[in-house]
Structures are given as structure tokens and as C-alpha cells.
PDB file of all heavy atoms in Angstrom:
ATOM      1  N   LEU A   1       0.837  -1.200   0.000  1.00  0.00           N
ATOM      2  CA  LEU A   1       0.000   0.000   0.000  1.00  0.00           C
ATOM      3  C   LEU A   1       0.873   1.251   0.000  1.00  0.00           C
ATOM      4  O   LEU A   1       1.895   1.311   0.691  1.00  0.00           O
ATOM      5  CB  LEU A   1      -0.907   0.030   1.233  1.00  0.00           C
ATOM      6  CG  LEU A   1      -2.030  -1.007   1.315  1.00  0.00           C
ATOM      7  CD1 LEU A   1      -2.833  -0.799   2.601  1.00  0.00           C
ATOM      8  CD2 LEU A   1      -2.947  -0.920   0.101  1.00  0.00           C
ATOM      9  N   SER A   2       0.454   2.262  -0.735  1.00  0.00           N
ATOM     10  CA  SER A   2       1.150   3.547  -0.682  1.00  0.00           C
ATOM     11  C   SER A   2       0.948   4.143   0.707  1.00  0.00           C
ATOM     12  O   SER A   2       0.028   3.741   1.439  1.00  0.00           O
ATOM     13  CB  SER A   2       0.574   4.494  -1.733  1.00  0.00           C
ATOM     14  OG  SER A   2      -0.735   4.904  -1.350  1.00  0.00           O
ATOM     15  N   PRO A   3       1.787   5.112   1.100  1.00  0.00           N
ATOM     16  CA  PRO A   3       1.604   5.709   2.427  1.00  0.00           C
ATOM     17  C   PRO A   3       0.196   6.254   2.669  1.00  0.00           C
ATOM     18  O   PRO A   3      -0.383   6.026   3.727  1.00  0.00           O
ATOM     19  CB  PRO A   3       2.654   6.831   2.441  1.00  0.00           C
ATOM     20  CG  PRO A   3       3.757   6.303   1.580  1.00  0.00           C
ATOM     21  CD  PRO A   3       3.027   5.590   0.459  1.00  0.00           C
ATOM     22  N   LEU A   4      -0.375   6.965   1.702  1.00  0.00           N
ATOM     23  CA  LEU A   4      -1.717   7.506   1.893  1.00  0.00           C
ATOM     24  C   LEU A   4      -2.775   6.409   1.945  1.00  0.00           C
ATOM     25  O   LEU A   4      -3.714   6.471   2.743  1.00  0.00           O
ATOM     26  CB  LEU A   4      -2.056   8.510   0.786  1.00  0.00           C
ATOM     27  CG  LEU A   4      -1.369   9.875   0.905  1.00  0.00           C
ATOM     28  CD1 LEU A   4      -1.645  10.725  -0.322  1.00  0.00           C
ATOM     29  CD2 LEU A   4      -1.824  10.611   2.171  1.00  0.00           C
ATOM     30  N   ALA A   5      -2.629   5.394   1.101  1.00  0.00           N
ATOM     31  CA  ALA A   5      -3.576   4.275   1.134  1.00  0.00           C
ATOM     32  C   ALA A   5      -3.486   3.556   2.485  1.00  0.00           C
ATOM     33  O   ALA A   5      -4.505   3.113   3.029  1.00  0.00           O
ATOM     34  CB  ALA A   5      -3.286   3.305  -0.006  1.00  0.00           C
ATOM     35  N   ALA A   6      -2.282   3.452   3.023  1.00  0.00           N
ATOM     36  CA  ALA A   6      -2.100   2.809   4.325  1.00  0.00           C
ATOM     37  C   ALA A   6      -2.766   3.622   5.431  1.00  0.00           C
ATOM     38  O   ALA A   6      -3.362   3.062   6.352  1.00  0.00           O
ATOM     39  CB  ALA A   6      -0.613   2.625   4.615  1.00  0.00           C
ATOM     40  N   VAL A   7      -2.679   4.945   5.342  1.00  0.00           N
ATOM     41  CA  VAL A   7      -3.340   5.809   6.326  1.00  0.00           C
ATOM     42  C   VAL A   7      -4.847   5.618   6.263  1.00  0.00           C
ATOM     43  O   VAL A   7      -5.520   5.464   7.294  1.00  0.00           O
ATOM     44  CB  VAL A   7      -2.970   7.294   6.096  1.00  0.00           C
ATOM     45  CG1 VAL A   7      -3.858   8.196   6.941  1.00  0.00           C
ATOM     46  CG2 VAL A   7      -1.511   7.539   6.420  1.00  0.00           C
ATOM     47  N   ARG A   8      -5.399   5.614   5.052  1.00  0.00           N
ATOM     48  CA  ARG A   8      -6.848   5.420   4.905  1.00  0.00           C
ATOM     49  C   ARG A   8      -7.273   4.078   5.485  1.00  0.00           C
ATOM     50  O   ARG A   8      -8.272   3.984   6.207  1.00  0.00           O
ATOM     51  CB  ARG A   8      -7.249   5.493   3.424  1.00  0.00           C
ATOM     52  CG  ARG A   8      -7.092   6.864   2.803  1.00  0.00           C
ATOM     53  CD  ARG A   8      -7.421   6.847   1.325  1.00  0.00           C
ATOM     54  NE  ARG A   8      -8.848   6.704   1.093  1.00  0.00           N
ATOM     55  CZ  ARG A   8      -9.393   6.543  -0.111  1.00  0.00           C
ATOM     56  NH1 ARG A   8      -8.603   6.476  -1.180  1.00  0.00           N
ATOM     57  NH2 ARG A   8     -10.693   6.453  -0.260  1.00  0.00           N
ATOM     58  N   ALA A   9      -6.519   3.037   5.205  1.00  0.00           N
ATOM     59  CA  ALA A   9      -6.846   1.704   5.708  1.00  0.00           C
ATOM     60  C   ALA A   9      -6.771   1.668   7.228  1.00  0.00           C
ATOM     61  O   ALA A   9      -7.631   1.061   7.890  1.00  0.00           O
ATOM     62  CB  ALA A   9      -5.909   0.668   5.098  1.00  0.00           C
ATOM     63  N   ALA A  10      -5.763   2.320   7.798  1.00  0.00           N
ATOM     64  CA  ALA A  10      -5.599   2.331   9.254  1.00  0.00           C
ATOM     65  C   ALA A  10      -6.756   3.052   9.928  1.00  0.00           C
ATOM     66  O   ALA A  10      -7.280   2.595  10.956  1.00  0.00           O
ATOM     67  CB  ALA A  10      -4.271   2.982   9.624  1.00  0.00           C
ATOM     68  N   ILE A  11      -7.161   4.190   9.372  1.00  0.00           N
ATOM     69  CA  ILE A  11      -8.275   4.945   9.947  1.00  0.00           C
ATOM     70  C   ILE A  11      -9.540   4.089   9.966  1.00  0.00           C
ATOM     71  O   ILE A  11     -10.241   4.001  10.981  1.00  0.00           O
ATOM     72  CB  ILE A  11      -8.514   6.250   9.165  1.00  0.00           C
ATOM     73  CG1 ILE A  11      -7.372   7.242   9.454  1.00  0.00           C
ATOM     74  CG2 ILE A  11      -9.861   6.870   9.540  1.00  0.00           C
ATOM     75  CD1 ILE A  11      -7.401   8.486   8.600  1.00  0.00           C
ATOM     76  N   HIS A  12      -9.837   3.443   8.848  1.00  0.00           N
ATOM     77  CA  HIS A  12     -11.033   2.597   8.794  1.00  0.00           C
ATOM     78  C   HIS A  12     -10.924   1.423   9.756  1.00  0.00           C
ATOM     79  O   HIS A  12     -11.890   1.070  10.445  1.00  0.00           O
ATOM     80  CB  HIS A  12     -11.267   2.107   7.370  1.00  0.00           C
ATOM     81  CG  HIS A  12     -11.886   3.130   6.473  1.00  0.00           C
ATOM     82  ND1 HIS A  12     -13.210   3.491   6.565  1.00  0.00           N
ATOM     83  CD2 HIS A  12     -11.357   3.897   5.483  1.00  0.00           C
ATOM     84  CE1 HIS A  12     -13.484   4.423   5.665  1.00  0.00           C
ATOM     85  NE2 HIS A  12     -12.369   4.688   4.996  1.00  0.00           N
ATOM     86  N   GLN A  13      -9.764   0.806   9.817  1.00  0.00           N
ATOM     87  CA  GLN A  13      -9.581  -0.356  10.678  1.00  0.00           C
ATOM     88  C   GLN A  13      -9.824   0.001  12.142  1.00  0.00           C
ATOM     89  O   GLN A  13     -10.520  -0.718  12.864  1.00  0.00           O
ATOM     90  CB  GLN A  13      -8.177  -0.924  10.516  1.00  0.00           C
ATOM     91  CG  GLN A  13      -7.918  -2.175  11.340  1.00  0.00           C
ATOM     92  CD  GLN A  13      -6.520  -2.714  11.123  1.00  0.00           C
ATOM     93  OE1 GLN A  13      -5.530  -2.067  11.456  1.00  0.00           O
ATOM     94  NE2 GLN A  13      -6.413  -3.908  10.537  1.00  0.00           N
ATOM     95  N   VAL A  14      -9.278   1.121  12.581  1.00  0.00           N
ATOM     96  CA  VAL A  14      -9.395   1.512  13.989  1.00  0.00           C
ATOM     97  C   VAL A  14     -10.806   2.004  14.317  1.00  0.00           C
ATOM     98  O   VAL A  14     -11.423   1.579  15.302  1.00  0.00           O
ATOM     99  CB  VAL A  14      -8.356   2.586  14.349  1.00  0.00           C
ATOM    100  CG1 VAL A  14      -8.616   3.160  15.746  1.00  0.00           C
ATOM    101  CG2 VAL A  14      -6.957   1.992  14.276  1.00  0.00           C
ATOM    102  N   LEU A  15     -11.343   2.873  13.492  1.00  0.00           N
ATOM    103  CA  LEU A  15     -12.651   3.446  13.807  1.00  0.00           C
ATOM    104  C   LEU A  15     -13.782   2.435  13.642  1.00  0.00           C
ATOM    105  O   LEU A  15     -14.780   2.495  14.363  1.00  0.00           O
ATOM    106  CB  LEU A  15     -12.906   4.685  12.953  1.00  0.00           C
ATOM    107  CG  LEU A  15     -11.959   5.860  13.218  1.00  0.00           C
ATOM    108  CD1 LEU A  15     -12.342   7.067  12.375  1.00  0.00           C
ATOM    109  CD2 LEU A  15     -11.968   6.243  14.704  1.00  0.00           C
ATOM    110  N   ASP A  16     -13.631   1.505  12.712  1.00  0.00           N
ATOM    111  CA  ASP A  16     -14.661   0.482  12.533  1.00  0.00           C
ATOM    112  C   ASP A  16     -14.749  -0.456  13.729  1.00  0.00           C
ATOM    113  O   ASP A  16     -15.764  -1.140  13.908  1.00  0.00           O
ATOM    114  CB  ASP A  16     -14.404  -0.335  11.261  1.00  0.00           C
ATOM    115  CG  ASP A  16     -14.690   0.458   9.990  1.00  0.00           C
ATOM    116  OD1 ASP A  16     -15.290   1.543  10.098  1.00  0.00           O
ATOM    117  OD2 ASP A  16     -14.300  -0.008   8.900  1.00  0.00           O
ATOM    118  N   GLN A  17     -13.692  -0.512  14.536  1.00  0.00           N
ATOM    119  CA  GLN A  17     -13.683  -1.400  15.699  1.00  0.00           C
ATOM    120  C   GLN A  17     -14.241  -0.737  16.957  1.00  0.00           C
ATOM    121  O   GLN A  17     -14.415  -1.401  17.977  1.00  0.00           O
ATOM    122  CB  GLN A  17     -12.257  -1.886  15.971  1.00  0.00           C
ATOM    123  CG  GLN A  17     -11.718  -2.822  14.897  1.00  0.00           C
ATOM    124  CD  GLN A  17     -10.269  -3.215  15.128  1.00  0.00           C
ATOM    125  OE1 GLN A  17      -9.621  -2.715  16.049  1.00  0.00           O
ATOM    126  NE2 GLN A  17      -9.761  -4.110  14.306  1.00  0.00           N
ATOM    127  N   LEU A  18     -14.536   0.565  16.887  1.00  0.00           N
ATOM    128  CA  LEU A  18     -15.078   1.247  18.060  1.00  0.00           C
ATOM    129  C   LEU A  18     -16.512   0.806  18.319  1.00  0.00           C
ATOM    130  O   LEU A  18     -17.302   0.650  17.399  1.00  0.00           O
ATOM    131  CB  LEU A  18     -15.055   2.765  17.845  1.00  0.00           C
ATOM    132  CG  LEU A  18     -13.694   3.454  17.807  1.00  0.00           C
ATOM    133  CD1 LEU A  18     -13.885   4.951  17.609  1.00  0.00           C
ATOM    134  CD2 LEU A  18     -12.892   3.182  19.060  1.00  0.00           C
ATOM    135  N   LYS A  19     -16.824   0.624  19.588  1.00  0.00           N
ATOM    136  CA  LYS A  19     -18.205   0.325  19.969  1.00  0.00           C
ATOM    137  C   LYS A  19     -19.034   1.598  19.820  1.00  0.00           C
ATOM    138  O   LYS A  19     -18.493   2.707  19.835  1.00  0.00           O
ATOM    139  CB  LYS A  19     -18.239  -0.168  21.417  1.00  0.00           C
ATOM    140  CG  LYS A  19     -17.480  -1.464  21.646  1.00  0.00           C
ATOM    141  CD  LYS A  19     -17.451  -1.816  23.122  1.00  0.00           C
ATOM    142  CE  LYS A  19     -16.634  -3.081  23.367  1.00  0.00           C
ATOM    143  NZ  LYS A  19     -16.497  -3.405  24.807  1.00  0.00           N
ATOM    144  N   PRO A  20     -20.355   1.462  19.690  1.00  0.00           N
ATOM    145  CA  PRO A  20     -21.196   2.657  19.504  1.00  0.00           C
ATOM    146  C   PRO A  20     -20.991   3.728  20.566  1.00  0.00           C
ATOM    147  O   PRO A  20     -20.939   4.921  20.240  1.00  0.00           O
ATOM    148  CB  PRO A  20     -22.621   2.080  19.554  1.00  0.00           C
ATOM    149  CG  PRO A  20     -22.467   0.684  19.054  1.00  0.00           C
ATOM    150  CD  PRO A  20     -21.133   0.219  19.579  1.00  0.00           C
ATOM    151  N   ASP A  21     -20.861   3.335  21.853  1.00  0.00           N
ATOM    152  CA  ASP A  21     -20.673   4.343  22.898  1.00  0.00           C
ATOM    153  C   ASP A  21     -19.309   4.999  22.796  1.00  0.00           C
ATOM    154  O   ASP A  21     -19.149   6.186  23.094  1.00  0.00           O
ATOM    155  CB  ASP A  21     -20.882   3.734  24.282  1.00  0.00           C
ATOM    156  CG  ASP A  21     -19.883   2.626  24.601  1.00  0.00           C
ATOM    157  OD1 ASP A  21     -19.584   1.829  23.707  1.00  0.00           O
ATOM    158  OD2 ASP A  21     -19.397   2.564  25.747  1.00  0.00           O
ATOM    159  N   GLU A  22     -18.293   4.239  22.352  1.00  0.00           N
ATOM    160  CA  GLU A  22     -16.952   4.806  22.170  1.00  0.00           C
ATOM    161  C   GLU A  22     -16.955   5.807  21.016  1.00  0.00           C
ATOM    162  O   GLU A  22     -16.342   6.878  21.110  1.00  0.00           O
ATOM    163  CB  GLU A  22     -15.947   3.691  21.886  1.00  0.00           C
ATOM    164  CG  GLU A  22     -15.703   2.758  23.062  1.00  0.00           C
ATOM    165  CD  GLU A  22     -14.841   1.563  22.711  1.00  0.00           C
ATOM    166  OE1 GLU A  22     -14.907   1.095  21.547  1.00  0.00           O
ATOM    167  OE2 GLU A  22     -14.097   1.095  23.592  1.00  0.00           O
ATOM    168  N   LEU A  23     -17.654   5.456  19.948  1.00  0.00           N
ATOM    169  CA  LEU A  23     -17.743   6.368  18.804  1.00  0.00           C
ATOM    170  C   LEU A  23     -18.510   7.633  19.186  1.00  0.00           C
ATOM    171  O   LEU A  23     -18.140   8.735  18.763  1.00  0.00           O
ATOM    172  CB  LEU A  23     -18.421   5.666  17.625  1.00  0.00           C
ATOM    173  CG  LEU A  23     -18.501   6.463  16.320  1.00  0.00           C
ATOM    174  CD1 LEU A  23     -17.106   6.883  15.856  1.00  0.00           C
ATOM    175  CD2 LEU A  23     -19.197   5.653  15.235  1.00  0.00           C
ATOM    176  N   GLU A  24     -19.540   7.480  20.010  1.00  0.00           N
ATOM    177  CA  GLU A  24     -20.307   8.647  20.445  1.00  0.00           C
ATOM    178  C   GLU A  24     -19.429   9.606  21.236  1.00  0.00           C
ATOM    179  O   GLU A  24     -19.489  10.828  21.041  1.00  0.00           O
ATOM    180  CB  GLU A  24     -21.492   8.213  21.309  1.00  0.00           C
ATOM    181  CG  GLU A  24     -22.341   9.394  21.781  1.00  0.00           C
ATOM    182  CD  GLU A  24     -23.462   8.993  22.725  1.00  0.00           C
ATOM    183  OE1 GLU A  24     -23.390   7.896  23.311  1.00  0.00           O
ATOM    184  OE2 GLU A  24     -24.392   9.799  22.895  1.00  0.00           O
ATOM    185  N   LEU A  25     -18.585   9.062  22.114  1.00  0.00           N
ATOM    186  CA  LEU A  25     -17.691   9.922  22.890  1.00  0.00           C
ATOM    187  C   LEU A  25     -16.649  10.595  21.998  1.00  0.00           C
ATOM    188  O   LEU A  25     -16.301  11.762  22.213  1.00  0.00           O
ATOM    189  CB  LEU A  25     -16.999   9.116  23.988  1.00  0.00           C
ATOM    190  CG  LEU A  25     -17.880   8.708  25.177  1.00  0.00           C
ATOM    191  CD1 LEU A  25     -17.076   7.907  26.188  1.00  0.00           C
ATOM    192  CD2 LEU A  25     -18.500   9.928  25.846  1.00  0.00           C
ATOM    193  N   GLU A  26     -16.154   9.870  20.994  1.00  0.00           N
ATOM    194  CA  GLU A  26     -15.214  10.481  20.048  1.00  0.00           C
ATOM    195  C   GLU A  26     -15.879  11.629  19.295  1.00  0.00           C
ATOM    196  O   GLU A  26     -15.295  12.700  19.119  1.00  0.00           O
ATOM    197  CB  GLU A  26     -14.716   9.427  19.051  1.00  0.00           C
ATOM    198  CG  GLU A  26     -13.491   8.671  19.512  1.00  0.00           C
ATOM    199  CD  GLU A  26     -12.302   9.581  19.758  1.00  0.00           C
ATOM    200  OE1 GLU A  26     -11.809  10.212  18.805  1.00  0.00           O
ATOM    201  OE2 GLU A  26     -11.868   9.682  20.914  1.00  0.00           O
ATOM    202  N   GLN A  27     -17.118  11.405  18.879  1.00  0.00           N
ATOM    203  CA  GLN A  27     -17.836  12.459  18.156  1.00  0.00           C
ATOM    204  C   GLN A  27     -18.094  13.654  19.069  1.00  0.00           C
ATOM    205  O   GLN A  27     -18.033  14.808  18.631  1.00  0.00           O
ATOM    206  CB  GLN A  27     -19.140  11.896  17.593  1.00  0.00           C
ATOM    207  CG  GLN A  27     -18.911  10.911  16.458  1.00  0.00           C
ATOM    208  CD  GLN A  27     -20.175  10.176  16.042  1.00  0.00           C
ATOM    209  OE1 GLN A  27     -21.111  10.019  16.830  1.00  0.00           O
ATOM    210  NE2 GLN A  27     -20.206   9.704  14.814  1.00  0.00           N
ATOM    211  N   THR A  28     -18.383  13.392  20.344  1.00  0.00           N
ATOM    212  CA  THR A  28     -18.551  14.471  21.316  1.00  0.00           C
ATOM    213  C   THR A  28     -17.270  15.285  21.430  1.00  0.00           C
ATOM    214  O   THR A  28     -17.281  16.511  21.445  1.00  0.00           O
ATOM    215  CB  THR A  28     -18.915  13.889  22.702  1.00  0.00           C
ATOM    216  OG1 THR A  28     -20.176  13.232  22.607  1.00  0.00           O
ATOM    217  CG2 THR A  28     -18.979  14.985  23.761  1.00  0.00           C
ATOM    218  N   ARG A  29     -16.148  14.576  21.480  1.00  0.00           N
ATOM    219  CA  ARG A  29     -14.839  15.240  21.579  1.00  0.00           C
ATOM    220  C   ARG A  29     -14.596  16.115  20.364  1.00  0.00           C
ATOM    221  O   ARG A  29     -14.161  17.274  20.484  1.00  0.00           O
ATOM    222  CB  ARG A  29     -13.745  14.176  21.709  1.00  0.00           C
ATOM    223  CG  ARG A  29     -12.404  14.692  22.136  1.00  0.00           C
ATOM    224  CD  ARG A  29     -11.432  13.533  22.371  1.00  0.00           C
ATOM    225  NE  ARG A  29     -11.079  12.879  21.124  1.00  0.00           N
ATOM    226  CZ  ARG A  29     -10.171  13.351  20.270  1.00  0.00           C
ATOM    227  NH1 ARG A  29      -9.553  14.489  20.509  1.00  0.00           N
ATOM    228  NH2 ARG A  29      -9.882  12.691  19.166  1.00  0.00           N
ATOM    229  N   TRP A  30     -14.872  15.588  19.170  1.00  0.00           N
ATOM    230  CA  TRP A  30     -14.663  16.352  17.944  1.00  0.00           C
ATOM    231  C   TRP A  30     -15.547  17.605  17.912  1.00  0.00           C
ATOM    232  O   TRP A  30     -15.099  18.686  17.530  1.00  0.00           O
ATOM    233  CB  TRP A  30     -14.961  15.482  16.725  1.00  0.00           C
ATOM    234  CG  TRP A  30     -14.067  14.285  16.591  1.00  0.00           C
ATOM    235  CD1 TRP A  30     -12.784  14.141  17.054  1.00  0.00           C
ATOM    236  CD2 TRP A  30     -14.388  13.039  15.967  1.00  0.00           C
ATOM    237  NE1 TRP A  30     -12.290  12.888  16.741  1.00  0.00           N
ATOM    238  CE2 TRP A  30     -13.250  12.197  16.079  1.00  0.00           C
ATOM    239  CE3 TRP A  30     -15.514  12.542  15.320  1.00  0.00           C
ATOM    240  CZ2 TRP A  30     -13.216  10.899  15.565  1.00  0.00           C
ATOM    241  CZ3 TRP A  30     -15.482  11.251  14.809  1.00  0.00           C
ATOM    242  CH2 TRP A  30     -14.348  10.439  14.927  1.00  0.00           C
ATOM    243  N   ARG A  31     -16.824  17.440  18.304  1.00  0.00           N
ATOM    244  CA  ARG A  31     -17.745  18.581  18.278  1.00  0.00           C
ATOM    245  C   ARG A  31     -17.308  19.661  19.265  1.00  0.00           C
ATOM    246  O   ARG A  31     -17.392  20.857  18.972  1.00  0.00           O
ATOM    247  CB  ARG A  31     -19.169  18.124  18.585  1.00  0.00           C
ATOM    248  CG  ARG A  31     -19.863  17.415  17.425  1.00  0.00           C
ATOM    249  CD  ARG A  31     -21.353  17.280  17.678  1.00  0.00           C
ATOM    250  NE  ARG A  31     -21.630  16.440  18.835  1.00  0.00           N
ATOM    251  CZ  ARG A  31     -21.816  15.137  18.779  1.00  0.00           C
ATOM    252  NH1 ARG A  31     -21.753  14.504  17.619  1.00  0.00           N
ATOM    253  NH2 ARG A  31     -22.076  14.438  19.872  1.00  0.00           N
ATOM    254  N   LEU A  32     -16.840  19.253  20.433  1.00  0.00           N
ATOM    255  CA  LEU A  32     -16.396  20.215  21.433  1.00  0.00           C
ATOM    256  C   LEU A  32     -15.232  21.051  20.917  1.00  0.00           C
ATOM    257  O   LEU A  32     -15.178  22.266  21.134  1.00  0.00           O
ATOM    258  CB  LEU A  32     -15.990  19.493  22.717  1.00  0.00           C
ATOM    259  CG  LEU A  32     -17.136  19.015  23.611  1.00  0.00           C
ATOM    260  CD1 LEU A  32     -16.606  18.062  24.673  1.00  0.00           C
ATOM    261  CD2 LEU A  32     -17.844  20.190  24.266  1.00  0.00           C
ATOM    262  N   VAL A  33     -14.291  20.404  20.246  1.00  0.00           N
ATOM    263  CA  VAL A  33     -13.142  21.129  19.702  1.00  0.00           C
ATOM    264  C   VAL A  33     -13.612  22.212  18.734  1.00  0.00           C
ATOM    265  O   VAL A  33     -13.088  23.329  18.717  1.00  0.00           O
ATOM    266  CB  VAL A  33     -12.164  20.166  18.997  1.00  0.00           C
ATOM    267  CG1 VAL A  33     -11.082  20.948  18.263  1.00  0.00           C
ATOM    268  CG2 VAL A  33     -11.524  19.223  20.000  1.00  0.00           C
ATOM    269  N   ALA A  34     -14.622  21.890  17.939  1.00  0.00           N
ATOM    270  CA  ALA A  34     -15.120  22.842  16.950  1.00  0.00           C
ATOM    271  C   ALA A  34     -15.948  23.959  17.581  1.00  0.00           C
ATOM    272  O   ALA A  34     -15.926  25.098  17.113  1.00  0.00           O
ATOM    273  CB  ALA A  34     -15.958  22.113  15.908  1.00  0.00           C
ATOM    274  N   GLN A  35     -16.646  23.648  18.670  1.00  0.00           N
ATOM    275  CA  GLN A  35     -17.620  24.594  19.223  1.00  0.00           C
ATOM    276  C   GLN A  35     -17.061  25.519  20.294  1.00  0.00           C
ATOM    277  O   GLN A  35     -17.525  26.655  20.424  1.00  0.00           O
ATOM    278  CB  GLN A  35     -18.806  23.811  19.810  1.00  0.00           C
ATOM    279  CG  GLN A  35     -19.613  23.063  18.767  1.00  0.00           C
ATOM    280  CD  GLN A  35     -20.567  22.055  19.386  1.00  0.00           C
ATOM    281  OE1 GLN A  35     -20.623  21.900  20.612  1.00  0.00           O
ATOM    282  NE2 GLN A  35     -21.335  21.369  18.559  1.00  0.00           N
ATOM    283  N   GLU A  36     -16.100  25.036  21.073  1.00  0.00           N
ATOM    284  CA  GLU A  36     -15.619  25.810  22.216  1.00  0.00           C
ATOM    285  C   GLU A  36     -14.425  26.688  21.838  1.00  0.00           C
ATOM    286  O   GLU A  36     -13.380  26.180  21.432  1.00  0.00           O
ATOM    287  CB  GLU A  36     -15.219  24.874  23.359  1.00  0.00           C
ATOM    288  CG  GLU A  36     -16.375  24.086  23.953  1.00  0.00           C
ATOM    289  CD  GLU A  36     -17.348  24.986  24.690  1.00  0.00           C
ATOM    290  OE1 GLU A  36     -16.927  26.055  25.177  1.00  0.00           O
ATOM    291  OE2 GLU A  36     -18.529  24.609  24.771  1.00  0.00           O
ATOM    292  N   PRO A  37     -14.550  28.008  21.979  1.00  0.00           N
ATOM    293  CA  PRO A  37     -13.439  28.905  21.617  1.00  0.00           C
ATOM    294  C   PRO A  37     -12.129  28.558  22.331  1.00  0.00           C
ATOM    295  O   PRO A  37     -11.054  28.623  21.733  1.00  0.00           O
ATOM    296  CB  PRO A  37     -13.957  30.285  22.055  1.00  0.00           C
ATOM    297  CG  PRO A  37     -15.446  30.150  21.992  1.00  0.00           C
ATOM    298  CD  PRO A  37     -15.743  28.738  22.401  1.00  0.00           C
ATOM    299  N   GLU A  38     -12.200  28.184  23.613  1.00  0.00           N
ATOM    300  CA  GLU A  38     -10.987  27.822  24.368  1.00  0.00           C
ATOM    301  C   GLU A  38     -10.268  26.650  23.720  1.00  0.00           C
ATOM    302  O   GLU A  38      -9.037  26.632  23.614  1.00  0.00           O
ATOM    303  CB  GLU A  38     -11.374  27.450  25.806  1.00  0.00           C
ATOM    304  CG  GLU A  38     -10.207  26.926  26.636  1.00  0.00           C
ATOM    305  CD  GLU A  38     -10.644  26.366  27.976  1.00  0.00           C
ATOM    306  OE1 GLU A  38     -11.784  26.623  28.402  1.00  0.00           O
ATOM    307  OE2 GLU A  38      -9.833  25.660  28.602  1.00  0.00           O
TER     308      GLU A  38
END
């Protein structure tokens, strides 16, 4: 795999293994970063 293809594969592999509650917390974390000025 090329470096970029390997990155894409790694992202899918890791995130696809998250349980629904784990993914929800990750999404909460991402939204907070975008919403909170601090």
C-alpha cells in the first residue's frame, strides 16, 4: 500500500472497531473542539 492508502486503511480499521458508545464519545470530543473557543 502507498503511504496515503495505508493511512486510509488504518483509519477505517481503527474506527470500525469502536463500539457505539466509544464512537459517540469520540464524536462528542470532535464537536467540542469545533464549538468551544478555548
